[in-house]
Amino acid sequence: MDTKTSIKQAWQAQIRQVAAHNPQLARQLWQNRQVYFERFAHFYQQLSNLPGKFRRKFMKRLATTVAGAALLLALGQALPVRAATITVNGVTCTLADAITSANTDTAVGGCAAGGGADMIDLQTDVTLSAPLPSITSEVILNGNGHTIDGNHLGSVLQVTSPGNLTLNKATITGGDAIGVGGGVYNYGGTVAINESTISGNYANSGGGIANRGYGTITITNSVIDGNSANHQGGERVAEFKG
């Protein structure tokens, strides 16, 4: 079944459900079906393209399906939990400000306000001039093939409980931590690393990745190599002592 047919069937199913509970709204949707269907299709595709793990969590929180959320958005109704996409272009919105926006659900610098579980979309390579804030909220960081260079200022990415980071298609390098976790340091949070490279990082312990405080790290289709440490390895991905 092609995408267009799938979206059309999802739309028709939503109309039937609405008609069973709110005939007046169903008539409104049908009378203005061209406008509402275009909106529905747009949001349905956006939601369907979210990474699977994030999409499932998001739909669980909303207590609805992808089609149900798309219809709410098409109608312009507020969702119970709002997710934001924060675009990092390195000019008006920096990665540091984007993380702060996600953590605090407020607009910072030139970055959009976060809300609920947020998506940070990286559109440029980043070389840090100061350490990044620790991630303490639920964030999907889409690297889109770009590099985050820590510039030897400490751990490149830090996640602290209850932080939840999903890192997609990014290269993390240039970390230089006095303590642990040159590339990624997770303390009590949840981290998923997908299709990414952690390389060229250094720390006293766990040059590439360090996981402490009973945190959880999952690594899928990624390269963790070329990192160094004084002891206990360049790639220290399992340390469960506080």
Protein backbone atom coordinates (compact mmCIF):
# COMPACT_ATOMS: atom_id res chain seq x y z
CA MET A 1 0.00 0.00 0.00
CA ASP A 2 1.47 3.37 -0.97
CA THR A 3 1.69 6.33 1.41
CA LYS A 4 -1.11 8.31 -0.24
CA THR A 5 -3.55 5.41 0.04
CA SER A 6 -2.55 4.76 3.65
CA ILE A 7 -3.15 8.41 4.60
CA LYS A 8 -6.51 8.45 2.82
CA GLN A 9 -7.65 5.33 4.64
CA ALA A 10 -6.51 6.76 7.98
CA TRP A 11 -8.45 9.97 7.24
CA GLN A 12 -11.62 8.06 6.35
CA ALA A 13 -11.35 5.99 9.53
CA GLN A 14 -11.05 9.16 11.61
CA ILE A 15 -14.12 10.68 9.93
CA ARG A 16 -16.12 7.55 10.77
CA GLN A 17 -15.04 7.71 14.40
CA VAL A 18 -15.91 11.40 14.66
CA ALA A 19 -19.31 10.82 13.03
CA ALA A 20 -20.17 8.24 15.68
CA HIS A 21 -19.63 10.72 18.51
CA ASN A 22 -19.95 14.19 17.00
CA PRO A 23 -22.02 14.30 13.80
CA GLN A 24 -21.83 18.09 13.61
CA LEU A 25 -18.03 18.07 13.59
CA ALA A 26 -18.06 15.27 11.03
CA ARG A 27 -20.23 17.41 8.73
CA GLN A 28 -17.82 20.31 9.15
CA LEU A 29 -14.90 18.09 8.21
CA TRP A 30 -16.73 16.70 5.20
CA GLN A 31 -17.89 20.10 3.94
CA ASN A 32 -14.34 21.44 4.17
CA ARG A 33 -12.62 18.16 3.43
CA GLN A 34 -10.07 19.53 0.97
CA VAL A 35 -8.60 21.95 3.51
CA TYR A 36 -8.76 19.57 6.48
CA PHE A 37 -7.49 16.58 4.53
CA GLU A 38 -4.43 18.52 3.37
CA ARG A 39 -3.70 19.51 6.96
CA PHE A 40 -4.32 15.98 8.19
CA ALA A 41 -2.00 14.49 5.55
CA HIS A 42 0.75 16.96 6.43
CA PHE A 43 0.67 16.20 10.16
CA TYR A 44 0.16 12.46 9.63
CA GLN A 45 3.36 12.28 7.58
CA GLN A 46 5.29 14.37 10.11
CA LEU A 47 4.21 12.18 13.01
CA SER A 48 4.81 8.97 11.04
CA ASN A 49 8.38 10.07 10.27
CA LEU A 50 9.30 10.47 13.93
CA PRO A 51 11.75 7.81 15.20
CA GLY A 52 9.79 4.77 16.34
CA LYS A 53 10.72 4.86 20.02
CA PHE A 54 9.88 8.55 20.34
CA ARG A 55 6.65 8.18 18.35
CA ARG A 56 5.43 5.34 20.56
CA LYS A 57 6.14 7.29 23.75
CA PHE A 58 4.48 10.37 22.33
CA MET A 59 1.33 8.53 21.27
CA LYS A 60 1.17 6.76 24.65
CA ARG A 61 1.24 10.10 26.42
CA LEU A 62 -1.47 11.47 24.16
CA ALA A 63 -3.54 8.30 24.57
CA THR A 64 -4.33 8.35 20.86
CA THR A 65 -3.03 7.09 17.53
CA VAL A 66 -0.94 8.86 14.91
CA ALA A 67 -4.13 9.46 12.92
CA GLY A 68 -5.93 10.82 15.98
CA ALA A 69 -3.11 13.25 16.77
CA ALA A 70 -2.95 14.33 13.11
CA LEU A 71 -6.67 15.11 13.16
CA LEU A 72 -6.33 17.18 16.34
CA LEU A 73 -3.52 19.15 14.75
CA ALA A 74 -5.53 19.59 11.54
CA LEU A 75 -8.37 21.05 13.60
CA GLY A 76 -5.95 23.40 15.34
CA GLN A 77 -6.72 21.92 18.74
CA ALA A 78 -4.11 21.90 21.49
CA LEU A 79 -2.62 18.54 22.30
CA PRO A 80 -2.38 17.40 25.91
CA VAL A 81 1.41 17.15 25.60
CA ARG A 82 3.18 19.50 23.24
CA ALA A 83 6.41 18.59 21.50
CA ALA A 84 8.61 21.19 19.87
CA THR A 85 11.13 21.05 17.04
CA ILE A 86 14.07 23.33 17.79
CA THR A 87 16.21 24.05 14.73
CA VAL A 88 19.89 24.71 15.36
CA ASN A 89 21.44 26.77 12.58
CA GLY A 90 24.42 28.02 14.59
CA VAL A 91 23.51 31.66 14.01
CA THR A 92 20.15 32.56 15.52
CA CYS A 93 19.86 29.32 17.48
CA THR A 94 22.89 27.60 18.99
CA LEU A 95 23.02 24.06 20.30
CA ALA A 96 23.58 25.31 23.85
CA ASP A 97 20.48 27.52 23.70
CA ALA A 98 18.47 24.71 22.10
CA ILE A 99 19.27 22.36 24.99
CA THR A 100 18.34 25.03 27.52
CA SER A 101 15.07 25.68 25.62
CA ALA A 102 14.27 21.96 25.73
CA ASN A 103 15.14 21.66 29.43
CA THR A 104 13.13 24.71 30.51
CA ASP A 105 10.29 24.76 27.93
CA THR A 106 11.05 28.42 27.26
CA ALA A 107 12.48 30.32 24.29
CA VAL A 108 16.19 31.02 24.78
CA GLY A 109 18.26 33.18 22.44
CA GLY A 110 16.93 32.62 18.95
CA CYS A 111 15.63 29.11 19.72
CA ALA A 112 11.97 28.15 19.90
CA ALA A 113 10.52 27.22 23.27
CA GLY A 114 10.59 23.55 24.10
CA GLY A 115 7.55 21.67 25.29
CA GLY A 116 7.23 18.12 26.51
CA ALA A 117 9.51 15.80 24.55
CA ASP A 118 11.51 17.92 22.11
CA MET A 119 13.36 17.37 18.86
CA ILE A 120 16.56 19.31 18.26
CA ASP A 121 17.35 19.40 14.55
CA LEU A 122 21.00 20.12 13.77
CA GLN A 123 21.53 21.87 10.44
CA THR A 124 25.22 22.65 10.77
CA ASP A 125 28.46 21.38 12.28
CA VAL A 126 29.06 22.70 15.79
CA THR A 127 32.37 23.57 17.45
CA LEU A 128 31.84 24.44 21.08
CA SER A 129 33.19 27.63 22.65
CA ALA A 130 31.88 26.62 26.10
CA PRO A 131 30.59 23.35 27.59
CA LEU A 132 27.00 22.45 26.72
CA PRO A 133 24.30 22.38 29.41
CA SER A 134 23.47 18.94 30.72
CA ILE A 135 20.35 17.40 29.15
CA THR A 136 17.75 16.95 31.89
CA SER A 137 14.59 16.50 29.77
CA GLU A 138 13.46 14.21 26.94
CA VAL A 139 15.31 15.18 23.77
CA ILE A 140 15.82 13.69 20.34
CA LEU A 141 18.96 15.19 18.81
CA ASN A 142 18.94 14.66 15.06
CA GLY A 143 22.48 15.26 13.83
CA ASN A 144 21.65 14.85 10.13
CA GLY A 145 25.25 13.74 9.54
CA HIS A 146 26.79 16.79 11.26
CA THR A 147 29.63 16.88 13.79
CA ILE A 148 29.59 18.22 17.34
CA ASP A 149 33.20 19.06 18.26
CA GLY A 150 33.77 19.54 21.99
CA ASN A 151 36.91 21.61 21.33
CA HIS A 152 38.62 19.96 24.35
CA LEU A 153 36.40 21.82 26.83
CA GLY A 154 35.09 18.79 28.74
CA SER A 155 32.47 16.14 28.00
CA VAL A 156 30.74 16.93 24.70
CA LEU A 157 27.26 15.72 25.68
CA GLN A 158 26.09 15.24 29.27
CA VAL A 159 22.82 13.67 30.37
CA THR A 160 21.66 13.88 33.98
CA SER A 161 18.63 12.14 35.54
CA PRO A 162 15.82 12.37 34.55
CA GLY A 163 17.30 13.28 31.16
CA ASN A 164 16.48 11.09 28.18
CA LEU A 165 18.58 11.59 25.04
CA THR A 166 18.18 9.91 21.67
CA LEU A 167 21.15 10.79 19.44
CA ASN A 168 20.67 10.13 15.73
CA LYS A 169 23.22 10.37 12.88
CA ALA A 170 25.81 12.59 14.54
CA THR A 171 29.57 12.53 15.08
CA ILE A 172 30.78 13.37 18.59
CA THR A 173 34.45 14.31 18.81
CA GLY A 174 36.88 16.62 20.59
CA GLY A 175 35.73 15.72 24.10
CA ASP A 176 38.39 16.13 26.78
CA ALA A 177 37.11 15.44 30.29
CA ILE A 178 39.18 15.62 33.47
CA GLY A 179 36.84 13.03 34.97
CA VAL A 180 34.78 10.57 32.91
CA GLY A 181 32.97 10.45 29.60
CA GLY A 182 34.83 12.55 27.05
CA GLY A 183 32.28 12.04 24.29
CA VAL A 184 29.07 11.25 26.17
CA TYR A 185 28.64 11.23 29.95
CA ASN A 186 25.39 9.83 31.29
CA TYR A 187 24.62 10.06 34.99
CA GLY A 188 21.36 8.33 35.86
CA GLY A 189 19.62 9.19 32.61
CA THR A 190 18.61 7.23 29.52
CA VAL A 191 20.64 7.46 26.32
CA ALA A 192 20.10 5.85 22.91
CA ILE A 193 22.80 6.31 20.27
CA ASN A 194 21.75 5.46 16.71
CA GLU A 195 23.79 5.52 13.49
CA SER A 196 26.38 7.81 15.08
CA THR A 197 30.15 7.97 15.55
CA ILE A 198 31.86 8.63 18.88
CA SER A 199 35.54 9.12 18.06
CA GLY A 200 38.53 11.27 18.96
CA ASN A 201 37.52 11.88 22.57
CA TYR A 202 39.57 11.67 25.77
CA ALA A 203 38.85 11.40 29.50
CA ASN A 204 40.56 10.15 32.61
CA SER A 205 38.12 7.23 32.43
CA GLY A 206 35.78 6.25 29.62
CA GLY A 207 37.14 8.43 26.84
CA GLY A 208 34.29 7.74 24.45
CA ILE A 209 31.29 7.06 26.70
CA ALA A 210 30.78 6.77 30.44
CA ASN A 211 27.60 5.56 32.11
CA ARG A 212 27.08 6.03 35.86
CA GLY A 213 24.39 6.50 38.46
CA TYR A 214 22.38 3.48 37.27
CA GLY A 215 21.84 5.09 33.89
CA THR A 216 20.99 3.21 30.70
CA ILE A 217 22.75 3.45 27.34
CA THR A 218 21.69 1.66 24.15
CA ILE A 219 23.91 1.76 21.06
CA THR A 220 22.64 0.76 17.61
CA ASN A 221 24.50 0.74 14.27
CA SER A 222 27.16 3.11 15.59
CA VAL A 223 30.95 3.39 15.64
CA ILE A 224 32.64 3.84 19.03
CA ASP A 225 36.33 3.90 18.25
CA GLY A 226 39.50 5.95 18.42
CA ASN A 227 38.86 7.31 21.92
CA SER A 228 41.42 7.25 24.74
CA ALA A 229 41.59 7.30 28.54
CA ASN A 230 44.20 7.10 31.29
CA HIS A 231 42.59 3.93 32.63
CA GLN A 232 39.52 1.72 32.33
CA GLY A 233 39.31 2.11 28.58
CA GLY A 234 38.46 4.55 25.87
CA GLU A 235 34.94 3.11 25.60
CA ARG A 236 33.46 2.68 29.04
CA VAL A 237 29.82 1.95 28.42
CA ALA A 238 28.91 0.05 31.56
CA GLU A 239 29.49 1.54 34.97
CA PHE A 240 26.53 1.17 37.28
CA LYS A 241 28.00 2.41 40.53
CA GLY A 242 27.07 5.88 41.75
